[in-house]
Amino acid sequence: IGIDIYRDLPVPPGTEELDQTLLATPRVVMVKQMGGGVLQGVPA
């Protein structure tokens, strides 16, 4: 499962629920942006 949507900041409600779901689902991959040049990175 690839989630090509940034989630560097919480978007409540359900932030704790999301954290638990992510840790309980090892087949999910969340994205980050490395950045560089004029682009700033976006953490996972």
PDB file of all heavy atoms in Angstrom:
ATOM      1  N   ILE A   1       0.857  -1.184   0.000  1.00  0.00           N
ATOM      2  CA  ILE A   1       0.000   0.000   0.000  1.00  0.00           C
ATOM      3  C   ILE A   1       0.892   1.233   0.000  1.00  0.00           C
ATOM      4  O   ILE A   1       1.650   1.460   0.949  1.00  0.00           O
ATOM      5  CB  ILE A   1      -0.915   0.030   1.240  1.00  0.00           C
ATOM      6  CG1 ILE A   1      -1.739  -1.256   1.342  1.00  0.00           C
ATOM      7  CG2 ILE A   1      -1.827   1.263   1.210  1.00  0.00           C
ATOM      8  CD1 ILE A   1      -2.423  -1.428   2.694  1.00  0.00           C
ATOM      9  N   GLY A   2       0.814   2.007  -1.045  1.00  0.00           N
ATOM     10  CA  GLY A   2       1.582   3.247  -1.120  1.00  0.00           C
ATOM     11  C   GLY A   2       0.653   4.438  -0.982  1.00  0.00           C
ATOM     12  O   GLY A   2      -0.336   4.544  -1.707  1.00  0.00           O
ATOM     13  N   ILE A   3       0.974   5.320  -0.058  1.00  0.00           N
ATOM     14  CA  ILE A   3       0.166   6.529   0.149  1.00  0.00           C
ATOM     15  C   ILE A   3       0.955   7.715  -0.375  1.00  0.00           C
ATOM     16  O   ILE A   3       1.870   8.217   0.272  1.00  0.00           O
ATOM     17  CB  ILE A   3      -0.182   6.728   1.649  1.00  0.00           C
ATOM     18  CG1 ILE A   3      -0.813   5.459   2.230  1.00  0.00           C
ATOM     19  CG2 ILE A   3      -1.118   7.930   1.801  1.00  0.00           C
ATOM     20  CD1 ILE A   3      -2.133   5.077   1.598  1.00  0.00           C
ATOM     21  N   ASP A   4       0.606   8.151  -1.581  1.00  0.00           N
ATOM     22  CA  ASP A   4       1.309   9.265  -2.214  1.00  0.00           C
ATOM     23  C   ASP A   4       0.650  10.590  -1.811  1.00  0.00           C
ATOM     24  O   ASP A   4       0.300  11.413  -2.658  1.00  0.00           O
ATOM     25  CB  ASP A   4       1.285   9.089  -3.734  1.00  0.00           C
ATOM     26  CG  ASP A   4       2.173  10.100  -4.450  1.00  0.00           C
ATOM     27  OD1 ASP A   4       3.124  10.605  -3.812  1.00  0.00           O
ATOM     28  OD2 ASP A   4       1.909  10.386  -5.639  1.00  0.00           O
ATOM     29  N   ILE A   5       0.497  10.746  -0.514  1.00  0.00           N
ATOM     30  CA  ILE A   5      -0.089  11.956   0.074  1.00  0.00           C
ATOM     31  C   ILE A   5       0.768  12.319   1.279  1.00  0.00           C
ATOM     32  O   ILE A   5       1.018  11.472   2.141  1.00  0.00           O
ATOM     33  CB  ILE A   5      -1.549  11.729   0.526  1.00  0.00           C
ATOM     34  CG1 ILE A   5      -2.427  11.349  -0.674  1.00  0.00           C
ATOM     35  CG2 ILE A   5      -2.109  12.964   1.224  1.00  0.00           C
ATOM     36  CD1 ILE A   5      -3.837  10.920  -0.283  1.00  0.00           C
ATOM     37  N   TYR A   6       1.249  13.546   1.326  1.00  0.00           N
ATOM     38  CA  TYR A   6       2.105  13.947   2.441  1.00  0.00           C
ATOM     39  C   TYR A   6       1.308  13.999   3.738  1.00  0.00           C
ATOM     40  O   TYR A   6       0.155  14.426   3.775  1.00  0.00           O
ATOM     41  CB  TYR A   6       2.723  15.318   2.171  1.00  0.00           C
ATOM     42  CG  TYR A   6       3.658  15.339   0.982  1.00  0.00           C
ATOM     43  CD1 TYR A   6       3.427  16.212  -0.087  1.00  0.00           C
ATOM     44  CD2 TYR A   6       4.765  14.504   0.921  1.00  0.00           C
ATOM     45  CE1 TYR A   6       4.280  16.251  -1.183  1.00  0.00           C
ATOM     46  CE2 TYR A   6       5.620  14.524  -0.171  1.00  0.00           C
ATOM     47  CZ  TYR A   6       5.371  15.389  -1.210  1.00  0.00           C
ATOM     48  OH  TYR A   6       6.208  15.414  -2.297  1.00  0.00           O
ATOM     49  N   ARG A   7       1.967  13.571   4.817  1.00  0.00           N
ATOM     50  CA  ARG A   7       1.362  13.677   6.140  1.00  0.00           C
ATOM     51  C   ARG A   7       2.465  13.997   7.138  1.00  0.00           C
ATOM     52  O   ARG A   7       2.758  13.247   8.050  1.00  0.00           O
ATOM     53  CB  ARG A   7       0.625  12.380   6.491  1.00  0.00           C
ATOM     54  CG  ARG A   7      -0.288  12.464   7.745  1.00  0.00           C
ATOM     55  CD  ARG A   7      -1.152  13.702   7.793  1.00  0.00           C
ATOM     56  NE  ARG A   7      -1.912  13.936   6.582  1.00  0.00           N
ATOM     57  CZ  ARG A   7      -3.192  13.642   6.437  1.00  0.00           C
ATOM     58  NH1 ARG A   7      -3.862  13.130   7.424  1.00  0.00           N
ATOM     59  NH2 ARG A   7      -3.805  13.904   5.301  1.00  0.00           N
ATOM     60  N   ASP A   8       3.130  15.153   6.901  1.00  0.00           N
ATOM     61  CA  ASP A   8       4.198  15.566   7.807  1.00  0.00           C
ATOM     62  C   ASP A   8       3.652  16.233   9.061  1.00  0.00           C
ATOM     63  O   ASP A   8       4.316  16.273  10.102  1.00  0.00           O
ATOM     64  CB  ASP A   8       5.157  16.524   7.097  1.00  0.00           C
ATOM     65  CG  ASP A   8       4.430  17.696   6.455  1.00  0.00           C
ATOM     66  OD1 ASP A   8       3.355  17.456   5.856  1.00  0.00           O
ATOM     67  OD2 ASP A   8       4.924  18.833   6.532  1.00  0.00           O
ATOM     68  N   LEU A   9       2.425  16.763   8.973  1.00  0.00           N
ATOM     69  CA  LEU A   9       1.774  17.401  10.109  1.00  0.00           C
ATOM     70  C   LEU A   9       0.451  16.708  10.394  1.00  0.00           C
ATOM     71  O   LEU A   9      -0.224  16.237   9.467  1.00  0.00           O
ATOM     72  CB  LEU A   9       1.516  18.890   9.830  1.00  0.00           C
ATOM     73  CG  LEU A   9       2.758  19.757   9.586  1.00  0.00           C
ATOM     74  CD1 LEU A   9       2.339  21.157   9.158  1.00  0.00           C
ATOM     75  CD2 LEU A   9       3.631  19.804  10.834  1.00  0.00           C
ATOM     76  N   PRO A  10       0.054  16.612  11.656  1.00  0.00           N
ATOM     77  CA  PRO A  10      -1.230  15.969  11.982  1.00  0.00           C
ATOM     78  C   PRO A  10      -2.403  16.765  11.427  1.00  0.00           C
ATOM     79  O   PRO A  10      -2.365  17.993  11.353  1.00  0.00           O
ATOM     80  CB  PRO A  10      -1.242  15.938  13.510  1.00  0.00           C
ATOM     81  CG  PRO A  10      -0.285  17.003  13.930  1.00  0.00           C
ATOM     82  CD  PRO A  10       0.762  17.078  12.877  1.00  0.00           C
ATOM     83  N   VAL A  11      -3.433  16.021  11.012  1.00  0.00           N
ATOM     84  CA  VAL A  11      -4.678  16.632  10.549  1.00  0.00           C
ATOM     85  C   VAL A  11      -5.809  16.015  11.364  1.00  0.00           C
ATOM     86  O   VAL A  11      -6.444  15.059  10.941  1.00  0.00           O
ATOM     87  CB  VAL A  11      -4.898  16.405   9.035  1.00  0.00           C
ATOM     88  CG1 VAL A  11      -6.164  17.134   8.559  1.00  0.00           C
ATOM     89  CG2 VAL A  11      -3.689  16.852   8.229  1.00  0.00           C
ATOM     90  N   PRO A  12      -6.039  16.522  12.579  1.00  0.00           N
ATOM     91  CA  PRO A  12      -7.060  15.935  13.433  1.00  0.00           C
ATOM     92  C   PRO A  12      -8.463  16.151  12.840  1.00  0.00           C
ATOM     93  O   PRO A  12      -8.641  17.025  11.972  1.00  0.00           O
ATOM     94  CB  PRO A  12      -6.879  16.700  14.747  1.00  0.00           C
ATOM     95  CG  PRO A  12      -6.189  17.970  14.382  1.00  0.00           C
ATOM     96  CD  PRO A  12      -5.352  17.670  13.191  1.00  0.00           C
ATOM     97  N   PRO A  13      -9.416  15.306  13.265  1.00  0.00           N
ATOM     98  CA  PRO A  13      -9.310  14.315  14.343  1.00  0.00           C
ATOM     99  C   PRO A  13      -8.715  12.997  13.864  1.00  0.00           C
ATOM    100  O   PRO A  13      -8.624  12.753  12.674  1.00  0.00           O
ATOM    101  CB  PRO A  13     -10.767  14.126  14.753  1.00  0.00           C
ATOM    102  CG  PRO A  13     -11.526  14.341  13.475  1.00  0.00           C
ATOM    103  CD  PRO A  13     -10.799  15.415  12.745  1.00  0.00           C
ATOM    104  N   GLY A  14      -8.312  12.153  14.837  1.00  0.00           N
ATOM    105  CA  GLY A  14      -7.863  10.807  14.546  1.00  0.00           C
ATOM    106  C   GLY A  14      -6.369  10.643  14.410  1.00  0.00           C
ATOM    107  O   GLY A  14      -5.921   9.634  13.872  1.00  0.00           O
ATOM    108  N   THR A  15      -5.582  11.590  14.937  1.00  0.00           N
ATOM    109  CA  THR A  15      -4.131  11.502  14.766  1.00  0.00           C
ATOM    110  C   THR A  15      -3.554  10.269  15.459  1.00  0.00           C
ATOM    111  O   THR A  15      -2.743   9.528  14.876  1.00  0.00           O
ATOM    112  CB  THR A  15      -3.456  12.770  15.308  1.00  0.00           C
ATOM    113  OG1 THR A  15      -3.966  13.918  14.604  1.00  0.00           O
ATOM    114  CG2 THR A  15      -1.947  12.696  15.127  1.00  0.00           C
ATOM    115  N   GLU A  16      -3.957  10.013  16.681  1.00  0.00           N
ATOM    116  CA  GLU A  16      -3.461   8.829  17.391  1.00  0.00           C
ATOM    117  C   GLU A  16      -3.931   7.551  16.709  1.00  0.00           C
ATOM    118  O   GLU A  16      -3.183   6.565  16.617  1.00  0.00           O
ATOM    119  CB  GLU A  16      -3.943   8.853  18.849  1.00  0.00           C
ATOM    120  CG  GLU A  16      -3.384   7.714  19.688  1.00  0.00           C
ATOM    121  CD  GLU A  16      -3.808   7.805  21.148  1.00  0.00           C
ATOM    122  OE1 GLU A  16      -4.317   8.866  21.571  1.00  0.00           O
ATOM    123  OE2 GLU A  16      -3.623   6.801  21.865  1.00  0.00           O
ATOM    124  N   GLU A  17      -5.141   7.573  16.196  1.00  0.00           N
ATOM    125  CA  GLU A  17      -5.677   6.414  15.471  1.00  0.00           C
ATOM    126  C   GLU A  17      -4.843   6.127  14.230  1.00  0.00           C
ATOM    127  O   GLU A  17      -4.545   4.968  13.910  1.00  0.00           O
ATOM    128  CB  GLU A  17      -7.132   6.682  15.093  1.00  0.00           C
ATOM    129  CG  GLU A  17      -7.793   5.566  14.313  1.00  0.00           C
ATOM    130  CD  GLU A  17      -9.215   5.928  13.895  1.00  0.00           C
ATOM    131  OE1 GLU A  17      -9.733   6.974  14.327  1.00  0.00           O
ATOM    132  OE2 GLU A  17      -9.797   5.145  13.110  1.00  0.00           O
ATOM    133  N   LEU A  18      -4.446   7.168  13.525  1.00  0.00           N
ATOM    134  CA  LEU A  18      -3.621   6.989  12.331  1.00  0.00           C
ATOM    135  C   LEU A  18      -2.261   6.421  12.704  1.00  0.00           C
ATOM    136  O   LEU A  18      -1.760   5.499  12.035  1.00  0.00           O
ATOM    137  CB  LEU A  18      -3.456   8.319  11.598  1.00  0.00           C
ATOM    138  CG  LEU A  18      -2.506   8.297  10.390  1.00  0.00           C
ATOM    139  CD1 LEU A  18      -2.985   7.311   9.327  1.00  0.00           C
ATOM    140  CD2 LEU A  18      -2.360   9.696   9.790  1.00  0.00           C
ATOM    141  N   ASP A  19      -1.639   6.941  13.740  1.00  0.00           N
ATOM    142  CA  ASP A  19      -0.333   6.429  14.164  1.00  0.00           C
ATOM    143  C   ASP A  19      -0.404   4.942  14.480  1.00  0.00           C
ATOM    144  O   ASP A  19       0.467   4.154  14.080  1.00  0.00           O
ATOM    145  CB  ASP A  19       0.161   7.202  15.389  1.00  0.00           C
ATOM    146  CG  ASP A  19       0.594   8.621  15.047  1.00  0.00           C
ATOM    147  OD1 ASP A  19       0.736   8.920  13.845  1.00  0.00           O
ATOM    148  OD2 ASP A  19       0.789   9.420  15.982  1.00  0.00           O
ATOM    149  N   GLN A  20      -1.444   4.543  15.201  1.00  0.00           N
ATOM    150  CA  GLN A  20      -1.603   3.133  15.558  1.00  0.00           C
ATOM    151  C   GLN A  20      -1.834   2.281  14.311  1.00  0.00           C
ATOM    152  O   GLN A  20      -1.302   1.167  14.194  1.00  0.00           O
ATOM    153  CB  GLN A  20      -2.770   2.979  16.537  1.00  0.00           C
ATOM    154  CG  GLN A  20      -2.519   3.614  17.898  1.00  0.00           C
ATOM    155  CD  GLN A  20      -3.747   3.582  18.790  1.00  0.00           C
ATOM    156  OE1 GLN A  20      -4.856   3.236  18.344  1.00  0.00           O
ATOM    157  NE2 GLN A  20      -3.570   3.960  20.060  1.00  0.00           N
ATOM    158  N   THR A  21      -2.615   2.816  13.374  1.00  0.00           N
ATOM    159  CA  THR A  21      -2.898   2.069  12.140  1.00  0.00           C
ATOM    160  C   THR A  21      -1.646   1.886  11.306  1.00  0.00           C
ATOM    161  O   THR A  21      -1.401   0.803  10.752  1.00  0.00           O
ATOM    162  CB  THR A  21      -3.974   2.797  11.317  1.00  0.00           C
ATOM    163  OG1 THR A  21      -5.168   2.913  12.089  1.00  0.00           O
ATOM    164  CG2 THR A  21      -4.282   2.040  10.028  1.00  0.00           C
ATOM    165  N   LEU A  22      -0.831   2.924  11.214  1.00  0.00           N
ATOM    166  CA  LEU A  22       0.399   2.835  10.440  1.00  0.00           C
ATOM    167  C   LEU A  22       1.344   1.784  11.011  1.00  0.00           C
ATOM    168  O   LEU A  22       1.925   0.973  10.280  1.00  0.00           O
ATOM    169  CB  LEU A  22       1.091   4.195  10.396  1.00  0.00           C
ATOM    170  CG  LEU A  22       0.410   5.280   9.561  1.00  0.00           C
ATOM    171  CD1 LEU A  22       1.127   6.618   9.750  1.00  0.00           C
ATOM    172  CD2 LEU A  22       0.382   4.903   8.088  1.00  0.00           C
ATOM    173  N   LEU A  23       1.498   1.778  12.319  1.00  0.00           N
ATOM    174  CA  LEU A  23       2.391   0.814  12.959  1.00  0.00           C
ATOM    175  C   LEU A  23       1.848  -0.608  12.893  1.00  0.00           C
ATOM    176  O   LEU A  23       2.616  -1.576  12.877  1.00  0.00           O
ATOM    177  CB  LEU A  23       2.631   1.214  14.416  1.00  0.00           C
ATOM    178  CG  LEU A  23       3.432   2.511  14.623  1.00  0.00           C
ATOM    179  CD1 LEU A  23       3.486   2.877  16.100  1.00  0.00           C
ATOM    180  CD2 LEU A  23       4.840   2.377  14.049  1.00  0.00           C
ATOM    181  N   ALA A  24       0.532  -0.740  12.829  1.00  0.00           N
ATOM    182  CA  ALA A  24      -0.094  -2.063  12.776  1.00  0.00           C
ATOM    183  C   ALA A  24      -0.222  -2.589  11.349  1.00  0.00           C
ATOM    184  O   ALA A  24      -0.681  -3.726  11.149  1.00  0.00           O
ATOM    185  CB  ALA A  24      -1.478  -2.006  13.428  1.00  0.00           C
ATOM    186  N   THR A  25       0.179  -1.783  10.367  1.00  0.00           N
ATOM    187  CA  THR A  25       0.054  -2.191   8.964  1.00  0.00           C
ATOM    188  C   THR A  25       1.418  -2.113   8.301  1.00  0.00           C
ATOM    189  O   THR A  25       1.768  -1.110   7.660  1.00  0.00           O
ATOM    190  CB  THR A  25      -0.949  -1.277   8.219  1.00  0.00           C
ATOM    191  OG1 THR A  25      -2.130  -1.115   9.000  1.00  0.00           O
ATOM    192  CG2 THR A  25      -1.320  -1.876   6.862  1.00  0.00           C
ATOM    193  N   PRO A  26       2.240  -3.144   8.442  1.00  0.00           N
ATOM    194  CA  PRO A  26       3.612  -3.076   7.916  1.00  0.00           C
ATOM    195  C   PRO A  26       3.697  -3.014   6.394  1.00  0.00           C
ATOM    196  O   PRO A  26       4.770  -2.724   5.855  1.00  0.00           O
ATOM    197  CB  PRO A  26       4.256  -4.365   8.449  1.00  0.00           C
ATOM    198  CG  PRO A  26       3.101  -5.287   8.707  1.00  0.00           C
ATOM    199  CD  PRO A  26       1.965  -4.423   9.129  1.00  0.00           C
ATOM    200  N   ARG A  27       2.597  -3.255   5.700  1.00  0.00           N
ATOM    201  CA  ARG A  27       2.626  -3.208   4.234  1.00  0.00           C
ATOM    202  C   ARG A  27       2.309  -1.829   3.684  1.00  0.00           C
ATOM    203  O   ARG A  27       2.219  -1.657   2.472  1.00  0.00           O
ATOM    204  CB  ARG A  27       1.653  -4.239   3.658  1.00  0.00           C
ATOM    205  CG  ARG A  27       2.105  -5.677   3.886  1.00  0.00           C
ATOM    206  CD  ARG A  27       1.185  -6.682   3.223  1.00  0.00           C
ATOM    207  NE  ARG A  27       1.693  -8.024   3.419  1.00  0.00           N
ATOM    208  CZ  ARG A  27       2.565  -8.632   2.622  1.00  0.00           C
ATOM    209  NH1 ARG A  27       3.030  -7.989   1.563  1.00  0.00           N
ATOM    210  NH2 ARG A  27       2.980  -9.858   2.871  1.00  0.00           N
ATOM    211  N   VAL A  28       2.130  -0.852   4.542  1.00  0.00           N
ATOM    212  CA  VAL A  28       1.872   0.500   4.065  1.00  0.00           C
ATOM    213  C   VAL A  28       3.176   1.285   3.998  1.00  0.00           C
ATOM    214  O   VAL A  28       4.049   1.151   4.860  1.00  0.00           O
ATOM    215  CB  VAL A  28       0.845   1.222   4.959  1.00  0.00           C
ATOM    216  CG1 VAL A  28       1.409   1.496   6.346  1.00  0.00           C
ATOM    217  CG2 VAL A  28       0.403   2.529   4.308  1.00  0.00           C
ATOM    218  N   VAL A  29       3.336   2.091   2.942  1.00  0.00           N
ATOM    219  CA  VAL A  29       4.503   2.952   2.768  1.00  0.00           C
ATOM    220  C   VAL A  29       4.003   4.380   2.581  1.00  0.00           C
ATOM    221  O   VAL A  29       3.220   4.655   1.668  1.00  0.00           O
ATOM    222  CB  VAL A  29       5.349   2.530   1.549  1.00  0.00           C
ATOM    223  CG1 VAL A  29       6.568   3.445   1.414  1.00  0.00           C
ATOM    224  CG2 VAL A  29       5.775   1.073   1.671  1.00  0.00           C
ATOM    225  N   MET A  30       4.449   5.265   3.446  1.00  0.00           N
ATOM    226  CA  MET A  30       4.097   6.686   3.348  1.00  0.00           C
ATOM    227  C   MET A  30       5.232   7.435   2.649  1.00  0.00           C
ATOM    228  O   MET A  30       6.393   7.020   2.706  1.00  0.00           O
ATOM    229  CB  MET A  30       3.865   7.274   4.737  1.00  0.00           C
ATOM    230  CG  MET A  30       2.719   6.633   5.502  1.00  0.00           C
ATOM    231  SD  MET A  30       1.091   7.005   4.806  1.00  0.00           S
ATOM    232  CE  MET A  30       0.942   8.752   5.196  1.00  0.00           C
ATOM    233  N   VAL A  31       4.877   8.541   2.009  1.00  0.00           N
ATOM    234  CA  VAL A  31       5.886   9.260   1.229  1.00  0.00           C
ATOM    235  C   VAL A  31       6.510  10.416   2.014  1.00  0.00           C
ATOM    236  O   VAL A  31       5.922  10.949   2.958  1.00  0.00           O
ATOM    237  CB  VAL A  31       5.308   9.822  -0.081  1.00  0.00           C
ATOM    238  CG1 VAL A  31       4.923   8.712  -1.023  1.00  0.00           C
ATOM    239  CG2 VAL A  31       4.153  10.761   0.182  1.00  0.00           C
ATOM    240  N   LYS A  32       7.695  10.748   1.563  1.00  0.00           N
ATOM    241  CA  LYS A  32       8.356  11.982   1.967  1.00  0.00           C
ATOM    242  C   LYS A  32       8.948  12.592   0.714  1.00  0.00           C
ATOM    243  O   LYS A  32       9.049  11.925  -0.336  1.00  0.00           O
ATOM    244  CB  LYS A  32       9.444  11.721   3.000  1.00  0.00           C
ATOM    245  CG  LYS A  32      10.677  11.010   2.447  1.00  0.00           C
ATOM    246  CD  LYS A  32      11.758  10.928   3.506  1.00  0.00           C
ATOM    247  CE  LYS A  32      13.027  10.266   2.947  1.00  0.00           C
ATOM    248  NZ  LYS A  32      14.115  10.219   3.962  1.00  0.00           N
ATOM    249  N   GLN A  33       9.318  13.842   0.788  1.00  0.00           N
ATOM    250  CA  GLN A  33       9.999  14.505  -0.323  1.00  0.00           C
ATOM    251  C   GLN A  33      11.406  14.865   0.109  1.00  0.00           C
ATOM    252  O   GLN A  33      11.598  15.518   1.139  1.00  0.00           O
ATOM    253  CB  GLN A  33       9.248  15.757  -0.775  1.00  0.00           C
ATOM    254  CG  GLN A  33       9.845  16.407  -2.012  1.00  0.00           C
ATOM    255  CD  GLN A  33       9.079  17.656  -2.432  1.00  0.00           C
ATOM    256  OE1 GLN A  33       9.136  18.681  -1.764  1.00  0.00           O
ATOM    257  NE2 GLN A  33       8.343  17.560  -3.528  1.00  0.00           N
ATOM    258  N   MET A  34      12.384  14.419  -0.673  1.00  0.00           N
ATOM    259  CA  MET A  34      13.768  14.722  -0.354  1.00  0.00           C
ATOM    260  C   MET A  34      14.071  16.201  -0.566  1.00  0.00           C
ATOM    261  O   MET A  34      14.813  16.813   0.186  1.00  0.00           O
ATOM    262  CB  MET A  34      14.695  13.881  -1.242  1.00  0.00           C
ATOM    263  CG  MET A  34      14.567  12.392  -1.036  1.00  0.00           C
ATOM    264  SD  MET A  34      15.298  11.846   0.513  1.00  0.00           S
ATOM    265  CE  MET A  34      17.032  12.042   0.143  1.00  0.00           C
ATOM    266  N   GLY A  35      13.483  16.775  -1.613  1.00  0.00           N
ATOM    267  CA  GLY A  35      13.740  18.178  -1.901  1.00  0.00           C
ATOM    268  C   GLY A  35      15.100  18.380  -2.534  1.00  0.00           C
ATOM    269  O   GLY A  35      15.705  17.484  -3.093  1.00  0.00           O
ATOM    270  N   GLY A  36      15.573  19.601  -2.449  1.00  0.00           N
ATOM    271  CA  GLY A  36      16.834  19.972  -3.082  1.00  0.00           C
ATOM    272  C   GLY A  36      16.608  21.110  -4.049  1.00  0.00           C
ATOM    273  O   GLY A  36      15.533  21.247  -4.629  1.00  0.00           O
ATOM    274  N   GLY A  37      17.591  21.959  -4.223  1.00  0.00           N
ATOM    275  CA  GLY A  37      17.428  23.126  -5.083  1.00  0.00           C
ATOM    276  C   GLY A  37      16.447  24.094  -4.460  1.00  0.00           C
ATOM    277  O   GLY A  37      16.582  24.496  -3.310  1.00  0.00           O
ATOM    278  N   VAL A  38      15.421  24.452  -5.230  1.00  0.00           N
ATOM    279  CA  VAL A  38      14.415  25.393  -4.720  1.00  0.00           C
ATOM    280  C   VAL A  38      13.338  24.687  -3.918  1.00  0.00           C
ATOM    281  O   VAL A  38      12.486  25.337  -3.298  1.00  0.00           O
ATOM    282  CB  VAL A  38      13.761  26.170  -5.880  1.00  0.00           C
ATOM    283  CG1 VAL A  38      14.790  27.000  -6.613  1.00  0.00           C
ATOM    284  CG2 VAL A  38      13.056  25.217  -6.847  1.00  0.00           C
ATOM    285  N   LEU A  39      13.351  23.346  -3.915  1.00  0.00           N
ATOM    286  CA  LEU A  39      12.324  22.589  -3.207  1.00  0.00           C
ATOM    287  C   LEU A  39      12.794  22.234  -1.807  1.00  0.00           C
ATOM    288  O   LEU A  39      13.907  21.749  -1.613  1.00  0.00           O
ATOM    289  CB  LEU A  39      11.978  21.301  -3.970  1.00  0.00           C
ATOM    290  CG  LEU A  39      11.305  21.464  -5.336  1.00  0.00           C
ATOM    291  CD1 LEU A  39      11.119  20.091  -5.973  1.00  0.00           C
ATOM    292  CD2 LEU A  39       9.957  22.155  -5.175  1.00  0.00           C
ATOM    293  N   GLN A  40      11.941  22.492  -0.834  1.00  0.00           N
ATOM    294  CA  GLN A  40      12.220  22.064   0.529  1.00  0.00           C
ATOM    295  C   GLN A  40      11.679  20.651   0.727  1.00  0.00           C
ATOM    296  O   GLN A  40      10.686  20.273   0.128  1.00  0.00           O
ATOM    297  CB  GLN A  40      11.574  23.015   1.530  1.00  0.00           C
ATOM    298  CG  GLN A  40      12.169  24.416   1.529  1.00  0.00           C
ATOM    299  CD  GLN A  40      11.587  25.269   2.632  1.00  0.00           C
ATOM    300  OE1 GLN A  40      10.589  24.913   3.238  1.00  0.00           O
ATOM    301  NE2 GLN A  40      12.210  26.408   2.876  1.00  0.00           N
ATOM    302  N   GLY A  41      12.349  19.883   1.544  1.00  0.00           N
ATOM    303  CA  GLY A  41      11.897  18.536   1.806  1.00  0.00           C
ATOM    304  C   GLY A  41      10.633  18.509   2.654  1.00  0.00           C
ATOM    305  O   GLY A  41      10.331  19.448   3.383  1.00  0.00           O
ATOM    306  N   VAL A  42       9.894  17.418   2.515  1.00  0.00           N
ATOM    307  CA  VAL A  42       8.702  17.187   3.332  1.00  0.00           C
ATOM    308  C   VAL A  42       8.896  15.853   4.041  1.00  0.00           C
ATOM    309  O   VAL A  42       8.983  14.815   3.385  1.00  0.00           O
ATOM    310  CB  VAL A  42       7.424  17.140   2.473  1.00  0.00           C
ATOM    311  CG1 VAL A  42       6.204  16.881   3.357  1.00  0.00           C
ATOM    312  CG2 VAL A  42       7.256  18.429   1.680  1.00  0.00           C
ATOM    313  N   PRO A  43       8.986  15.845   5.361  1.00  0.00           N
ATOM    314  CA  PRO A  43       9.246  14.593   6.074  1.00  0.00           C
ATOM    315  C   PRO A  43       8.041  13.669   6.085  1.00  0.00           C
ATOM    316  O   PRO A  43       6.902  14.080   5.828  1.00  0.00           O
ATOM    317  CB  PRO A  43       9.604  15.066   7.487  1.00  0.00           C
ATOM    318  CG  PRO A  43       8.905  16.378   7.630  1.00  0.00           C
ATOM    319  CD  PRO A  43       8.921  17.009   6.272  1.00  0.00           C
ATOM    320  N   ALA A  44       8.294  12.426   6.398  1.00  0.00           N
ATOM    321  CA  ALA A  44       7.238  11.429   6.557  1.00  0.00           C
ATOM    322  C   ALA A  44       6.611  11.574   7.950  1.00  0.00           C
ATOM    323  O   ALA A  44       7.123  12.319   8.791  1.00  0.00           O
ATOM    324  CB  ALA A  44       7.830  10.039   6.384  1.00  0.00           C
TER     325      ALA A  44
END
